[in-house]
Amino acid sequence: MPSPNKDRLRSEALALAPSDRAELAHDLVQSLDGPVDSDSAGAWEQEILRRIEQLDAGSAPSVDRKEFSSRIREQLRRI
């Protein structure tokens, strides 16, 4: 059940400029996340760099934008 405070905050937030609303939304979502796992952050960084190297070397499979869009549309139809 909405509280008066929550309704007031919602109204005030919706009156903000779009960039301020985006920043607020980001901060609120981040507040729901658990603590950052520095080990996984480093592992993801290494994985990203590895994949970029593969793309640059031409050894990674890739699809063009049209194929990608088609695959995404198909997956969304299944939901």
Protein backbone atom coordinates (compact mmCIF):
# COMPACT_ATOMS: atom_id res chain seq x y z
CA MET A 1 0.00 0.00 0.00
CA PRO A 2 1.53 3.32 -1.04
CA SER A 3 2.48 5.59 1.83
CA PRO A 4 2.08 9.38 1.69
CA ASN A 5 5.86 9.74 1.90
CA LYS A 6 6.42 7.37 -1.01
CA ASP A 7 3.78 9.13 -3.11
CA ARG A 8 5.38 12.52 -2.35
CA LEU A 9 8.84 11.22 -3.22
CA ARG A 10 7.54 9.70 -6.45
CA SER A 11 5.92 13.00 -7.45
CA GLU A 12 9.07 14.94 -6.65
CA ALA A 13 11.25 12.45 -8.52
CA LEU A 14 9.04 12.58 -11.60
CA ALA A 15 9.33 16.37 -11.61
CA LEU A 16 13.13 16.17 -11.94
CA ALA A 17 14.94 16.68 -15.23
CA PRO A 18 15.41 13.44 -17.18
CA SER A 19 19.15 13.29 -16.45
CA ASP A 20 18.52 13.75 -12.72
CA ARG A 21 15.81 11.04 -12.78
CA ALA A 22 18.24 8.69 -14.54
CA GLU A 23 20.93 9.37 -11.94
CA LEU A 24 18.44 8.83 -9.11
CA ALA A 25 17.15 5.61 -10.68
CA HIS A 26 20.73 4.36 -11.06
CA ASP A 27 21.50 5.15 -7.43
CA LEU A 28 18.32 3.44 -6.22
CA VAL A 29 18.98 0.28 -8.23
CA GLN A 30 22.59 0.20 -7.05
CA SER A 31 21.38 0.45 -3.45
CA LEU A 32 19.58 -2.88 -3.96
CA ASP A 33 22.72 -4.67 -5.12
CA GLY A 34 24.98 -6.46 -2.72
CA PRO A 35 28.58 -5.52 -2.13
CA VAL A 36 30.88 -5.45 -5.14
CA ASP A 37 32.95 -8.59 -5.57
CA SER A 38 36.34 -7.23 -6.60
CA ASP A 39 37.51 -10.68 -7.73
CA SER A 40 34.63 -11.04 -10.18
CA ALA A 41 35.09 -7.46 -11.41
CA GLY A 42 38.70 -8.25 -12.27
CA ALA A 43 37.74 -11.53 -13.91
CA TRP A 44 35.12 -9.77 -16.04
CA GLU A 45 37.69 -7.17 -17.08
CA GLN A 46 40.07 -9.93 -18.19
CA GLU A 47 37.27 -11.72 -20.07
CA ILE A 48 36.27 -8.52 -21.87
CA LEU A 49 39.86 -7.88 -22.92
CA ARG A 50 40.23 -11.50 -24.09
CA ARG A 51 37.11 -11.22 -26.23
CA ILE A 52 38.21 -7.89 -27.71
CA GLU A 53 41.56 -9.46 -28.64
CA GLN A 54 39.72 -12.35 -30.33
CA LEU A 55 37.54 -9.95 -32.29
CA ASP A 56 40.55 -7.88 -33.33
CA ALA A 57 42.39 -11.04 -34.42
CA GLY A 58 39.36 -12.26 -36.35
CA SER A 59 39.23 -15.51 -34.38
CA ALA A 60 35.92 -14.86 -32.60
CA PRO A 61 32.59 -15.74 -34.14
CA SER A 62 30.43 -12.72 -34.84
CA VAL A 63 27.13 -11.85 -36.49
CA ASP A 64 26.11 -8.71 -38.32
CA ARG A 65 23.57 -6.28 -36.90
CA LYS A 66 20.70 -7.60 -39.04
CA GLU A 67 21.26 -11.19 -37.87
CA PHE A 68 21.63 -10.05 -34.26
CA SER A 69 18.35 -8.10 -34.43
CA SER A 70 16.60 -11.09 -35.97
CA ARG A 71 17.82 -13.39 -33.19
CA ILE A 72 16.76 -10.96 -30.47
CA ARG A 73 13.27 -10.52 -31.99
CA GLU A 74 12.89 -14.30 -32.14
CA GLN A 75 13.89 -14.68 -28.49
CA LEU A 76 11.48 -11.93 -27.43
CA ARG A 77 8.62 -13.65 -29.28
CA ARG A 78 9.22 -16.73 -27.12
CA ILE A 79 8.76 -14.81 -23.88
